[in-house]
Amino acid sequence: MAEALVHDLIEEERSRREARRLAVRAFRPRRAFAGFTAALLVTAAGGAAAIELLAAALGSAVHPVPGVATLLDVLRRYSWRDPDVLVVAGAVAALGAAFLVAALPGRLRGVPLDGSDPRQAGLIGRAALRRTLADAALEVPGIERARVRGLSVFRRSLLVRAATHYRNPSNLADLVRDAVEARLDRIEPMHRPPVDVRLGWRKD
């Protein structure tokens, strides 16, 4: 009995990982053009350097890559500490870093949803999720305003800011948290974000 339970738990976790991988493949922007351009530039630069190094190793005085001789003549006129050299080197480094960053896979377009079938992937937009959770908070009696933030690059949790006209809110913050958690139970995100509730009320 215990072995069967452990086996079921392992299979469930494996299905969740497969569903997560499927969601990442399906909904993450590929940025194929930037990746292709960066790979092409790196390949061209590496190939030219390899050809030049091979020619130098064989003792050839001829530069097989067109334009290298002219470039070397220009570079010999400058020192490493020349301001123009430093500016050009910095620009080239910044351009290379920009290409590499642009070639990285993009952020997921939304929040992946949990599911029983790892062959299917579902997603809800972050803005739509925040709106529906704010609506859930507004359904709590006494809540006048509610706003949800989070699920961004800098905040992985959910921050619910709610306001009530009650002078003594008692356990209203807990009720808001329960309502938001219940809505999350219905949505079933793949990774459950923690919920933090900040309640404002009348103090006069």
N, C-alpha and C. Protein backbone atom coordinates (compact mmCIF):
# COMPACT_ATOMS: atom_id res chain seq x y z
N MET A 1 0.83 -1.20 0.00
CA MET A 1 0.00 0.00 0.00
C MET A 1 0.86 1.25 0.00
N ALA A 2 1.87 1.27 0.87
CA ALA A 2 2.76 2.43 0.96
C ALA A 2 3.55 2.60 -0.33
N GLU A 3 4.01 1.47 -0.92
CA GLU A 3 4.77 1.56 -2.16
C GLU A 3 3.91 2.10 -3.29
N ALA A 4 2.65 1.70 -3.34
CA ALA A 4 1.75 2.21 -4.38
C ALA A 4 1.52 3.71 -4.21
N LEU A 5 1.40 4.17 -2.95
CA LEU A 5 1.20 5.60 -2.71
C LEU A 5 2.43 6.40 -3.13
N VAL A 6 3.61 5.87 -2.80
CA VAL A 6 4.85 6.55 -3.21
C VAL A 6 4.97 6.59 -4.73
N HIS A 7 4.62 5.48 -5.37
CA HIS A 7 4.67 5.42 -6.84
C HIS A 7 3.72 6.44 -7.46
N ASP A 8 2.51 6.58 -6.90
CA ASP A 8 1.54 7.55 -7.43
C ASP A 8 2.05 8.97 -7.25
N LEU A 9 2.68 9.25 -6.11
CA LEU A 9 3.22 10.59 -5.88
C LEU A 9 4.36 10.90 -6.86
N ILE A 10 5.20 9.91 -7.12
CA ILE A 10 6.30 10.12 -8.07
C ILE A 10 5.75 10.37 -9.47
N GLU A 11 4.74 9.61 -9.88
CA GLU A 11 4.15 9.79 -11.20
C GLU A 11 3.48 11.16 -11.31
N GLU A 12 2.83 11.59 -10.24
CA GLU A 12 2.18 12.91 -10.26
C GLU A 12 3.20 14.03 -10.41
N GLU A 13 4.31 13.92 -9.66
CA GLU A 13 5.36 14.93 -9.76
C GLU A 13 5.99 14.92 -11.15
N ARG A 14 6.16 13.74 -11.72
CA ARG A 14 6.71 13.65 -13.07
C ARG A 14 5.77 14.29 -14.08
N SER A 15 4.48 14.08 -13.93
CA SER A 15 3.51 14.69 -14.83
C SER A 15 3.53 16.20 -14.72
N ARG A 16 3.70 16.70 -13.49
CA ARG A 16 3.77 18.16 -13.30
C ARG A 16 5.00 18.74 -13.98
N ARG A 17 6.12 18.04 -13.88
CA ARG A 17 7.34 18.54 -14.54
C ARG A 17 7.18 18.54 -16.05
N GLU A 18 6.56 17.50 -16.59
CA GLU A 18 6.34 17.44 -18.03
C GLU A 18 5.39 18.55 -18.48
N ALA A 19 4.36 18.80 -17.69
CA ALA A 19 3.43 19.88 -18.03
C ALA A 19 4.12 21.23 -17.97
N ARG A 20 5.01 21.41 -16.99
CA ARG A 20 5.75 22.66 -16.89
C ARG A 20 6.66 22.86 -18.11
N ARG A 21 7.35 21.81 -18.52
CA ARG A 21 8.22 21.91 -19.70
C ARG A 21 7.41 22.21 -20.95
N LEU A 22 6.24 21.59 -21.06
CA LEU A 22 5.39 21.85 -22.22
C LEU A 22 4.91 23.29 -22.23
N ALA A 23 4.53 23.82 -21.07
CA ALA A 23 4.08 25.21 -20.99
C ALA A 23 5.20 26.17 -21.35
N VAL A 24 6.42 25.88 -20.89
CA VAL A 24 7.55 26.74 -21.21
C VAL A 24 7.81 26.74 -22.71
N ARG A 25 7.78 25.55 -23.34
CA ARG A 25 8.02 25.47 -24.78
C ARG A 25 6.91 26.15 -25.57
N ALA A 26 5.67 26.05 -25.08
CA ALA A 26 4.54 26.56 -25.85
C ALA A 26 4.36 28.06 -25.73
N PHE A 27 4.67 28.62 -24.56
CA PHE A 27 4.29 30.01 -24.30
C PHE A 27 5.47 30.96 -24.11
N ARG A 28 6.70 30.48 -24.12
CA ARG A 28 7.84 31.38 -23.97
C ARG A 28 8.26 31.90 -25.34
N PRO A 29 8.40 33.23 -25.51
CA PRO A 29 8.83 33.77 -26.80
C PRO A 29 10.19 33.22 -27.21
N ARG A 30 10.33 32.87 -28.48
CA ARG A 30 11.55 32.24 -28.95
C ARG A 30 12.66 33.23 -29.27
N ARG A 31 12.29 34.44 -29.77
CA ARG A 31 13.28 35.43 -30.20
C ARG A 31 14.26 34.82 -31.20
N ALA A 32 13.68 34.15 -32.18
CA ALA A 32 14.50 33.39 -33.12
C ALA A 32 15.39 34.31 -33.96
N PHE A 33 14.88 35.47 -34.40
CA PHE A 33 15.67 36.34 -35.27
C PHE A 33 16.91 36.85 -34.54
N ALA A 34 16.72 37.30 -33.28
CA ALA A 34 17.88 37.79 -32.52
C ALA A 34 18.88 36.67 -32.26
N GLY A 35 18.38 35.49 -31.95
CA GLY A 35 19.28 34.36 -31.72
C GLY A 35 20.04 33.97 -32.98
N PHE A 36 19.34 33.98 -34.12
CA PHE A 36 20.00 33.64 -35.39
C PHE A 36 21.07 34.68 -35.73
N THR A 37 20.75 35.96 -35.52
CA THR A 37 21.71 37.02 -35.84
C THR A 37 22.95 36.92 -34.95
N ALA A 38 22.72 36.71 -33.64
CA ALA A 38 23.85 36.59 -32.73
C ALA A 38 24.71 35.38 -33.08
N ALA A 39 24.07 34.25 -33.37
CA ALA A 39 24.83 33.05 -33.73
C ALA A 39 25.61 33.26 -35.03
N LEU A 40 25.00 33.97 -35.99
CA LEU A 40 25.67 34.21 -37.25
C LEU A 40 26.90 35.10 -37.07
N LEU A 41 26.77 36.15 -36.25
CA LEU A 41 27.91 37.02 -36.00
C LEU A 41 29.04 36.30 -35.28
N VAL A 42 28.69 35.52 -34.26
CA VAL A 42 29.70 34.78 -33.52
C VAL A 42 30.40 33.76 -34.42
N THR A 43 29.62 33.08 -35.26
CA THR A 43 30.20 32.09 -36.17
C THR A 43 31.13 32.74 -37.19
N ALA A 44 30.70 33.88 -37.73
CA ALA A 44 31.53 34.56 -38.72
C ALA A 44 32.83 35.06 -38.09
N ALA A 45 32.73 35.67 -36.91
CA ALA A 45 33.94 36.18 -36.24
C ALA A 45 34.86 35.04 -35.86
N GLY A 46 34.31 33.96 -35.32
CA GLY A 46 35.13 32.82 -34.94
C GLY A 46 35.77 32.15 -36.14
N GLY A 47 35.02 32.04 -37.24
CA GLY A 47 35.59 31.43 -38.45
C GLY A 47 36.72 32.26 -39.03
N ALA A 48 36.53 33.59 -39.06
CA ALA A 48 37.59 34.46 -39.58
C ALA A 48 38.84 34.37 -38.71
N ALA A 49 38.66 34.38 -37.40
CA ALA A 49 39.82 34.27 -36.50
C ALA A 49 40.52 32.94 -36.67
N ALA A 50 39.75 31.85 -36.83
CA ALA A 50 40.37 30.53 -37.00
C ALA A 50 41.18 30.46 -38.29
N ILE A 51 40.64 31.05 -39.38
CA ILE A 51 41.37 31.03 -40.65
C ILE A 51 42.67 31.82 -40.55
N GLU A 52 42.60 32.99 -39.92
CA GLU A 52 43.80 33.82 -39.76
C GLU A 52 44.84 33.13 -38.88
N LEU A 53 44.41 32.50 -37.80
CA LEU A 53 45.35 31.80 -36.93
C LEU A 53 46.00 30.61 -37.65
N LEU A 54 45.21 29.90 -38.44
CA LEU A 54 45.76 28.77 -39.20
C LEU A 54 46.79 29.25 -40.21
N ALA A 55 46.49 30.35 -40.88
CA ALA A 55 47.45 30.89 -41.86
C ALA A 55 48.73 31.33 -41.18
N ALA A 56 48.61 31.96 -40.01
CA ALA A 56 49.80 32.38 -39.29
C ALA A 56 50.60 31.18 -38.80
N ALA A 57 49.92 30.12 -38.38
CA ALA A 57 50.62 28.93 -37.90
C ALA A 57 51.38 28.23 -39.03
N LEU A 58 50.85 28.33 -40.25
CA LEU A 58 51.52 27.72 -41.40
C LEU A 58 52.61 28.61 -41.98
N GLY A 59 52.79 29.81 -41.40
CA GLY A 59 53.85 30.71 -41.85
C GLY A 59 53.50 31.52 -43.07
N SER A 60 52.23 31.62 -43.40
CA SER A 60 51.81 32.38 -44.58
C SER A 60 51.79 33.87 -44.25
N ALA A 61 52.33 34.68 -45.15
CA ALA A 61 52.31 36.14 -44.96
C ALA A 61 51.06 36.76 -45.56
N VAL A 62 50.25 35.97 -46.24
CA VAL A 62 49.02 36.46 -46.88
C VAL A 62 47.86 36.25 -45.91
N HIS A 63 47.00 37.24 -45.83
CA HIS A 63 45.80 37.14 -44.98
C HIS A 63 44.65 36.60 -45.83
N PRO A 64 44.18 35.39 -45.54
CA PRO A 64 43.12 34.80 -46.36
C PRO A 64 41.80 35.56 -46.28
N VAL A 65 41.51 36.18 -45.15
CA VAL A 65 40.24 36.88 -44.99
C VAL A 65 40.37 38.28 -45.56
N PRO A 66 39.52 38.68 -46.52
CA PRO A 66 39.62 40.02 -47.11
C PRO A 66 39.42 41.12 -46.06
N GLY A 67 40.23 42.16 -46.16
CA GLY A 67 40.08 43.31 -45.28
C GLY A 67 40.87 43.23 -44.00
N VAL A 68 41.39 42.07 -43.66
CA VAL A 68 42.14 41.93 -42.41
C VAL A 68 43.45 42.72 -42.46
N ALA A 69 44.11 42.70 -43.60
CA ALA A 69 45.38 43.43 -43.73
C ALA A 69 45.16 44.92 -43.53
N THR A 70 44.12 45.45 -44.15
CA THR A 70 43.81 46.88 -43.97
C THR A 70 43.47 47.19 -42.53
N LEU A 71 42.70 46.32 -41.91
CA LEU A 71 42.32 46.53 -40.51
C LEU A 71 43.54 46.51 -39.60
N LEU A 72 44.46 45.59 -39.85
CA LEU A 72 45.68 45.52 -39.04
C LEU A 72 46.54 46.76 -39.21
N ASP A 73 46.61 47.29 -40.45
CA ASP A 73 47.38 48.52 -40.68
C ASP A 73 46.79 49.69 -39.90
N VAL A 74 45.45 49.75 -39.85
CA VAL A 74 44.80 50.83 -39.10
C VAL A 74 45.04 50.67 -37.61
N LEU A 75 44.94 49.44 -37.11
CA LEU A 75 45.11 49.21 -35.67
C LEU A 75 46.54 49.49 -35.21
N ARG A 76 47.52 49.30 -36.08
CA ARG A 76 48.91 49.55 -35.68
C ARG A 76 49.19 51.02 -35.41
N ARG A 77 48.32 51.88 -35.88
CA ARG A 77 48.54 53.32 -35.66
C ARG A 77 48.07 53.76 -34.28
N TYR A 78 47.35 52.90 -33.59
CA TYR A 78 46.80 53.27 -32.29
C TYR A 78 47.39 52.39 -31.20
N SER A 79 47.37 52.92 -29.98
CA SER A 79 47.76 52.13 -28.81
C SER A 79 46.50 51.68 -28.08
N TRP A 80 46.67 50.74 -27.18
CA TRP A 80 45.52 50.22 -26.44
C TRP A 80 44.88 51.30 -25.57
N ARG A 81 45.66 52.29 -25.13
CA ARG A 81 45.13 53.33 -24.25
C ARG A 81 44.59 54.53 -25.01
N ASP A 82 44.59 54.46 -26.32
CA ASP A 82 44.06 55.56 -27.11
C ASP A 82 42.55 55.69 -26.85
N PRO A 83 42.04 56.93 -26.63
CA PRO A 83 40.59 57.10 -26.34
C PRO A 83 39.69 56.53 -27.43
N ASP A 84 40.10 56.68 -28.70
CA ASP A 84 39.27 56.14 -29.78
C ASP A 84 39.17 54.62 -29.70
N VAL A 85 40.27 53.96 -29.36
CA VAL A 85 40.26 52.51 -29.23
C VAL A 85 39.36 52.08 -28.08
N LEU A 86 39.42 52.79 -26.96
CA LEU A 86 38.59 52.44 -25.81
C LEU A 86 37.11 52.63 -26.12
N VAL A 87 36.79 53.70 -26.84
CA VAL A 87 35.38 53.94 -27.20
C VAL A 87 34.86 52.85 -28.13
N VAL A 88 35.63 52.50 -29.15
CA VAL A 88 35.20 51.46 -30.09
C VAL A 88 35.09 50.11 -29.39
N ALA A 89 36.06 49.79 -28.52
CA ALA A 89 36.00 48.52 -27.80
C ALA A 89 34.78 48.45 -26.89
N GLY A 90 34.48 49.57 -26.22
CA GLY A 90 33.29 49.59 -25.37
C GLY A 90 32.02 49.43 -26.18
N ALA A 91 31.96 50.07 -27.35
CA ALA A 91 30.76 49.95 -28.19
C ALA A 91 30.58 48.53 -28.70
N VAL A 92 31.68 47.90 -29.10
CA VAL A 92 31.60 46.52 -29.58
C VAL A 92 31.16 45.59 -28.46
N ALA A 93 31.71 45.78 -27.25
CA ALA A 93 31.32 44.95 -26.11
C ALA A 93 29.84 45.14 -25.76
N ALA A 94 29.38 46.40 -25.80
CA ALA A 94 27.97 46.67 -25.50
C ALA A 94 27.06 46.05 -26.55
N LEU A 95 27.47 46.14 -27.82
CA LEU A 95 26.67 45.54 -28.89
C LEU A 95 26.60 44.03 -28.76
N GLY A 96 27.74 43.41 -28.43
CA GLY A 96 27.74 41.96 -28.23
C GLY A 96 26.87 41.54 -27.06
N ALA A 97 26.94 42.30 -25.95
CA ALA A 97 26.10 41.98 -24.79
C ALA A 97 24.63 42.14 -25.13
N ALA A 98 24.30 43.18 -25.91
CA ALA A 98 22.90 43.39 -26.29
C ALA A 98 22.39 42.24 -27.15
N PHE A 99 23.21 41.76 -28.07
CA PHE A 99 22.80 40.62 -28.91
C PHE A 99 22.59 39.37 -28.07
N LEU A 100 23.49 39.13 -27.12
CA LEU A 100 23.36 37.94 -26.29
C LEU A 100 22.10 38.00 -25.42
N VAL A 101 21.83 39.17 -24.85
CA VAL A 101 20.62 39.32 -24.03
C VAL A 101 19.37 39.15 -24.89
N ALA A 102 19.39 39.75 -26.08
CA ALA A 102 18.23 39.64 -26.97
C ALA A 102 17.99 38.21 -27.43
N ALA A 103 19.06 37.41 -27.48
CA ALA A 103 18.91 36.03 -27.94
C ALA A 103 18.41 35.09 -26.85
N LEU A 104 18.43 35.53 -25.60
CA LEU A 104 17.96 34.68 -24.52
C LEU A 104 16.45 34.45 -24.64
N PRO A 105 15.94 33.30 -24.21
CA PRO A 105 14.49 33.07 -24.27
C PRO A 105 13.75 34.11 -23.44
N GLY A 106 12.59 34.53 -23.94
CA GLY A 106 11.81 35.55 -23.25
C GLY A 106 11.07 34.99 -22.04
N ARG A 107 10.48 35.90 -21.31
CA ARG A 107 9.68 35.53 -20.14
C ARG A 107 8.35 34.94 -20.58
N LEU A 108 7.83 34.03 -19.79
CA LEU A 108 6.53 33.44 -20.10
C LEU A 108 5.47 34.53 -20.21
N ARG A 109 4.55 34.36 -21.15
CA ARG A 109 3.54 35.38 -21.40
C ARG A 109 2.48 35.44 -20.30
N GLY A 110 2.45 34.48 -19.43
CA GLY A 110 1.45 34.47 -18.36
C GLY A 110 1.81 33.45 -17.30
N VAL A 111 0.81 33.00 -16.57
CA VAL A 111 0.99 32.04 -15.48
C VAL A 111 0.51 30.67 -15.95
N PRO A 112 1.38 29.66 -16.02
CA PRO A 112 0.94 28.32 -16.44
C PRO A 112 -0.07 27.74 -15.45
N LEU A 113 -1.02 27.01 -15.99
CA LEU A 113 -2.06 26.39 -15.18
C LEU A 113 -1.76 24.92 -14.97
N ASP A 114 -2.16 24.44 -13.80
CA ASP A 114 -1.97 23.04 -13.49
C ASP A 114 -3.01 22.22 -14.23
N GLY A 115 -2.67 20.99 -14.52
CA GLY A 115 -3.61 20.13 -15.23
C GLY A 115 -3.27 18.68 -15.01
N SER A 116 -4.24 17.83 -15.23
CA SER A 116 -4.02 16.40 -15.01
C SER A 116 -3.33 15.73 -16.20
N ASP A 117 -3.39 16.35 -17.36
CA ASP A 117 -2.80 15.77 -18.56
C ASP A 117 -1.52 16.54 -18.91
N PRO A 118 -0.34 15.91 -18.77
CA PRO A 118 0.91 16.63 -19.08
C PRO A 118 1.08 16.94 -20.55
N ARG A 119 0.22 16.40 -21.42
CA ARG A 119 0.33 16.66 -22.85
C ARG A 119 -0.40 17.94 -23.25
N GLN A 120 -1.10 18.57 -22.30
CA GLN A 120 -1.83 19.79 -22.56
C GLN A 120 -1.28 20.92 -21.68
N ALA A 121 -1.24 22.12 -22.24
CA ALA A 121 -0.71 23.27 -21.51
C ALA A 121 -1.74 24.39 -21.53
N GLY A 122 -1.94 24.99 -20.38
CA GLY A 122 -2.86 26.12 -20.26
C GLY A 122 -2.16 27.30 -19.63
N LEU A 123 -2.68 28.50 -19.88
CA LEU A 123 -2.01 29.70 -19.41
C LEU A 123 -3.05 30.78 -19.17
N ILE A 124 -2.85 31.58 -18.13
CA ILE A 124 -3.68 32.75 -17.87
C ILE A 124 -2.76 33.96 -17.78
N GLY A 125 -3.16 35.05 -18.39
CA GLY A 125 -2.36 36.26 -18.36
C GLY A 125 -2.23 36.82 -16.94
N ARG A 126 -1.12 37.45 -16.66
CA ARG A 126 -0.89 37.99 -15.32
C ARG A 126 -1.91 39.07 -14.99
N ALA A 127 -2.19 39.96 -15.95
CA ALA A 127 -3.17 41.02 -15.69
C ALA A 127 -4.56 40.44 -15.46
N ALA A 128 -4.94 39.42 -16.24
CA ALA A 128 -6.24 38.79 -16.05
C ALA A 128 -6.32 38.10 -14.69
N LEU A 129 -5.23 37.47 -14.27
CA LEU A 129 -5.22 36.82 -12.97
C LEU A 129 -5.36 37.84 -11.85
N ARG A 130 -4.65 38.96 -11.97
CA ARG A 130 -4.77 39.99 -10.93
C ARG A 130 -6.17 40.57 -10.87
N ARG A 131 -6.80 40.75 -12.04
CA ARG A 131 -8.16 41.29 -12.06
C ARG A 131 -9.16 40.34 -11.40
N THR A 132 -9.08 39.07 -11.72
CA THR A 132 -10.05 38.13 -11.16
C THR A 132 -9.84 37.95 -9.65
N LEU A 133 -8.59 38.07 -9.18
CA LEU A 133 -8.35 37.99 -7.75
C LEU A 133 -8.84 39.25 -7.04
N ALA A 134 -8.73 40.40 -7.70
CA ALA A 134 -9.29 41.62 -7.12
C ALA A 134 -10.81 41.53 -7.04
N ASP A 135 -11.44 40.95 -8.07
CA ASP A 135 -12.89 40.75 -8.03
C ASP A 135 -13.28 39.83 -6.88
N ALA A 136 -12.47 38.81 -6.63
CA ALA A 136 -12.75 37.91 -5.51
C ALA A 136 -12.68 38.66 -4.18
N ALA A 137 -11.72 39.55 -4.03
CA ALA A 137 -11.62 40.33 -2.80
C ALA A 137 -12.80 41.27 -2.64
N LEU A 138 -13.29 41.84 -3.75
CA LEU A 138 -14.44 42.75 -3.68
C LEU A 138 -15.72 42.03 -3.30
N GLU A 139 -15.78 40.73 -3.48
CA GLU A 139 -16.97 39.98 -3.11
C GLU A 139 -17.11 39.81 -1.59
N VAL A 140 -16.06 40.11 -0.85
CA VAL A 140 -16.13 40.01 0.61
C VAL A 140 -16.96 41.19 1.13
N PRO A 141 -17.99 40.96 1.94
CA PRO A 141 -18.81 42.06 2.46
C PRO A 141 -17.96 43.06 3.24
N GLY A 142 -18.15 44.34 2.92
CA GLY A 142 -17.42 45.40 3.61
C GLY A 142 -16.24 45.94 2.83
N ILE A 143 -15.80 45.23 1.78
CA ILE A 143 -14.65 45.68 1.00
C ILE A 143 -15.14 46.63 -0.09
N GLU A 144 -14.60 47.84 -0.09
CA GLU A 144 -14.99 48.86 -1.07
C GLU A 144 -14.06 48.89 -2.28
N ARG A 145 -12.77 48.74 -2.03
CA ARG A 145 -11.78 48.78 -3.11
C ARG A 145 -10.78 47.65 -2.91
N ALA A 146 -10.29 47.14 -4.02
CA ALA A 146 -9.28 46.08 -3.95
C ALA A 146 -8.40 46.16 -5.19
N ARG A 147 -7.13 45.99 -4.97
CA ARG A 147 -6.17 46.00 -6.06
C ARG A 147 -5.11 44.94 -5.78
N VAL A 148 -4.73 44.23 -6.81
CA VAL A 148 -3.76 43.14 -6.67
C VAL A 148 -2.53 43.48 -7.50
N ARG A 149 -1.38 43.32 -6.89
CA ARG A 149 -0.11 43.50 -7.59
C ARG A 149 0.74 42.25 -7.39
N GLY A 150 1.79 42.16 -8.19
CA GLY A 150 2.71 41.03 -8.04
C GLY A 150 2.85 40.25 -9.33
N LEU A 151 3.49 39.08 -9.20
CA LEU A 151 3.78 38.19 -10.33
C LEU A 151 4.58 38.93 -11.41
N SER A 152 5.53 39.73 -10.95
CA SER A 152 6.39 40.46 -11.87
C SER A 152 7.82 39.96 -11.70
N VAL A 153 8.74 40.63 -12.38
CA VAL A 153 10.14 40.23 -12.29
C VAL A 153 10.66 40.43 -10.87
N PHE A 154 10.18 41.48 -10.20
CA PHE A 154 10.71 41.82 -8.88
C PHE A 154 9.85 41.28 -7.74
N ARG A 155 8.61 40.86 -8.00
CA ARG A 155 7.75 40.34 -6.93
C ARG A 155 7.07 39.09 -7.43
N ARG A 156 7.41 37.95 -6.83
CA ARG A 156 6.82 36.69 -7.22
C ARG A 156 5.55 36.37 -6.43
N SER A 157 5.29 37.11 -5.35
CA SER A 157 4.10 36.89 -4.56
C SER A 157 2.98 37.82 -5.02
N LEU A 158 1.81 37.66 -4.42
CA LEU A 158 0.66 38.51 -4.70
C LEU A 158 0.40 39.44 -3.52
N LEU A 159 0.28 40.71 -3.81
CA LEU A 159 -0.01 41.71 -2.79
C LEU A 159 -1.41 42.25 -3.05
N VAL A 160 -2.31 42.02 -2.09
CA VAL A 160 -3.69 42.47 -2.20
C VAL A 160 -3.86 43.68 -1.30
N ARG A 161 -4.16 44.82 -1.89
CA ARG A 161 -4.45 46.03 -1.13
C ARG A 161 -5.95 46.26 -1.18
N ALA A 162 -6.60 46.19 -0.02
CA ALA A 162 -8.04 46.34 0.06
C ALA A 162 -8.38 47.45 1.05
N ALA A 163 -9.56 48.04 0.87
CA ALA A 163 -10.02 49.12 1.76
C ALA A 163 -11.46 48.86 2.14
N THR A 164 -11.80 49.21 3.37
CA THR A 164 -13.15 49.04 3.88
C THR A 164 -13.58 50.30 4.62
N HIS A 165 -14.90 50.52 4.68
CA HIS A 165 -15.42 51.65 5.43
C HIS A 165 -15.64 51.31 6.91
N TYR A 166 -15.42 50.04 7.27
CA TYR A 166 -15.59 49.65 8.66
C TYR A 166 -14.55 50.34 9.53
N ARG A 167 -14.97 50.74 10.74
CA ARG A 167 -14.01 51.31 11.69
C ARG A 167 -13.28 50.22 12.48
N ASN A 168 -13.92 49.07 12.59
CA ASN A 168 -13.30 47.93 13.28
C ASN A 168 -13.35 46.73 12.33
N PRO A 169 -12.28 46.51 11.56
CA PRO A 169 -12.33 45.46 10.52
C PRO A 169 -12.29 44.05 11.07
N SER A 170 -11.86 43.87 12.30
CA SER A 170 -11.80 42.54 12.93
C SER A 170 -10.99 41.59 12.05
N ASN A 171 -11.60 40.50 11.59
CA ASN A 171 -10.87 39.50 10.79
C ASN A 171 -11.12 39.67 9.30
N LEU A 172 -11.40 40.90 8.86
CA LEU A 172 -11.72 41.12 7.46
C LEU A 172 -10.53 40.79 6.56
N ALA A 173 -9.32 41.05 7.01
CA ALA A 173 -8.14 40.73 6.20
C ALA A 173 -8.05 39.22 5.96
N ASP A 174 -8.38 38.44 6.99
CA ASP A 174 -8.36 36.98 6.82
C ASP A 174 -9.43 36.53 5.82
N LEU A 175 -10.59 37.19 5.85
CA LEU A 175 -11.65 36.83 4.92
C LEU A 175 -11.25 37.15 3.48
N VAL A 176 -10.55 38.28 3.31
CA VAL A 176 -10.07 38.63 1.97
C VAL A 176 -9.06 37.59 1.50
N ARG A 177 -8.15 37.21 2.38
CA ARG A 177 -7.15 36.21 2.01
C ARG A 177 -7.84 34.88 1.65
N ASP A 178 -8.83 34.49 2.43
CA ASP A 178 -9.54 33.24 2.14
C ASP A 178 -10.24 33.31 0.79
N ALA A 179 -10.83 34.47 0.46
CA ALA A 179 -11.52 34.61 -0.82
C ALA A 179 -10.54 34.53 -1.98
N VAL A 180 -9.39 35.18 -1.83
CA VAL A 180 -8.38 35.13 -2.89
C VAL A 180 -7.82 33.72 -3.03
N GLU A 181 -7.57 33.05 -1.90
CA GLU A 181 -7.06 31.68 -1.95
C GLU A 181 -8.09 30.75 -2.60
N ALA A 182 -9.36 30.96 -2.30
CA ALA A 182 -10.40 30.12 -2.91
C ALA A 182 -10.46 30.32 -4.42
N ARG A 183 -10.28 31.57 -4.87
CA ARG A 183 -10.26 31.82 -6.31
C ARG A 183 -9.03 31.17 -6.96
N LEU A 184 -7.91 31.19 -6.26
CA LEU A 184 -6.72 30.51 -6.78
C LEU A 184 -6.94 29.00 -6.86
N ASP A 185 -7.70 28.45 -5.90
CA ASP A 185 -8.01 27.02 -5.95
C ASP A 185 -8.78 26.68 -7.22
N ARG A 186 -9.66 27.58 -7.64
CA ARG A 186 -10.45 27.33 -8.85
C ARG A 186 -9.61 27.52 -10.11
N ILE A 187 -8.69 28.47 -10.09
CA ILE A 187 -7.85 28.73 -11.26
C ILE A 187 -6.78 27.66 -11.40
N GLU A 188 -6.23 27.19 -10.29
CA GLU A 188 -5.20 26.15 -10.25
C GLU A 188 -3.94 26.55 -11.01
N PRO A 189 -3.22 27.57 -10.54
CA PRO A 189 -1.92 27.86 -11.16
C PRO A 189 -0.92 26.76 -10.86
N MET A 190 0.02 26.55 -11.76
CA MET A 190 0.98 25.48 -11.60
C MET A 190 1.87 25.71 -10.37
N HIS A 191 2.27 26.97 -10.18
CA HIS A 191 3.04 27.33 -8.99
C HIS A 191 2.22 28.31 -8.18
N ARG A 192 1.84 27.90 -6.98
CA ARG A 192 0.94 28.70 -6.16
C ARG A 192 1.70 29.87 -5.53
N PRO A 193 1.37 31.13 -5.88
CA PRO A 193 2.08 32.26 -5.28
C PRO A 193 1.54 32.55 -3.88
N PRO A 194 2.40 32.96 -2.96
CA PRO A 194 1.91 33.37 -1.63
C PRO A 194 1.11 34.65 -1.73
N VAL A 195 0.15 34.81 -0.83
CA VAL A 195 -0.77 35.95 -0.84
C VAL A 195 -0.54 36.78 0.41
N ASP A 196 -0.33 38.08 0.20
CA ASP A 196 -0.15 39.02 1.30
C ASP A 196 -1.26 40.07 1.19
N VAL A 197 -2.01 40.28 2.27
CA VAL A 197 -3.14 41.19 2.29
C VAL A 197 -2.82 42.41 3.14
N ARG A 198 -3.01 43.59 2.56
CA ARG A 198 -2.85 44.86 3.29
C ARG A 198 -4.23 45.52 3.30
N LEU A 199 -4.79 45.69 4.50
CA LEU A 199 -6.15 46.22 4.63
C LEU A 199 -6.10 47.62 5.24
N GLY A 200 -6.82 48.52 4.59
CA GLY A 200 -6.97 49.87 5.11
C GLY A 200 -8.40 50.10 5.57
N TRP A 201 -8.58 50.81 6.68
CA TRP A 201 -9.93 51.06 7.22
C TRP A 201 -9.99 52.44 7.86
N ARG A 202 -11.22 52.87 8.13
CA ARG A 202 -11.44 54.19 8.73
C ARG A 202 -11.01 54.16 10.21
N LYS A 203 -10.26 55.16 10.59
CA LYS A 203 -9.79 55.21 11.96
C LYS A 203 -10.36 56.40 12.73
N ASP A 204 -11.33 57.13 12.13
CA ASP A 204 -11.92 58.27 12.84
C ASP A 204 -13.18 57.84 13.57
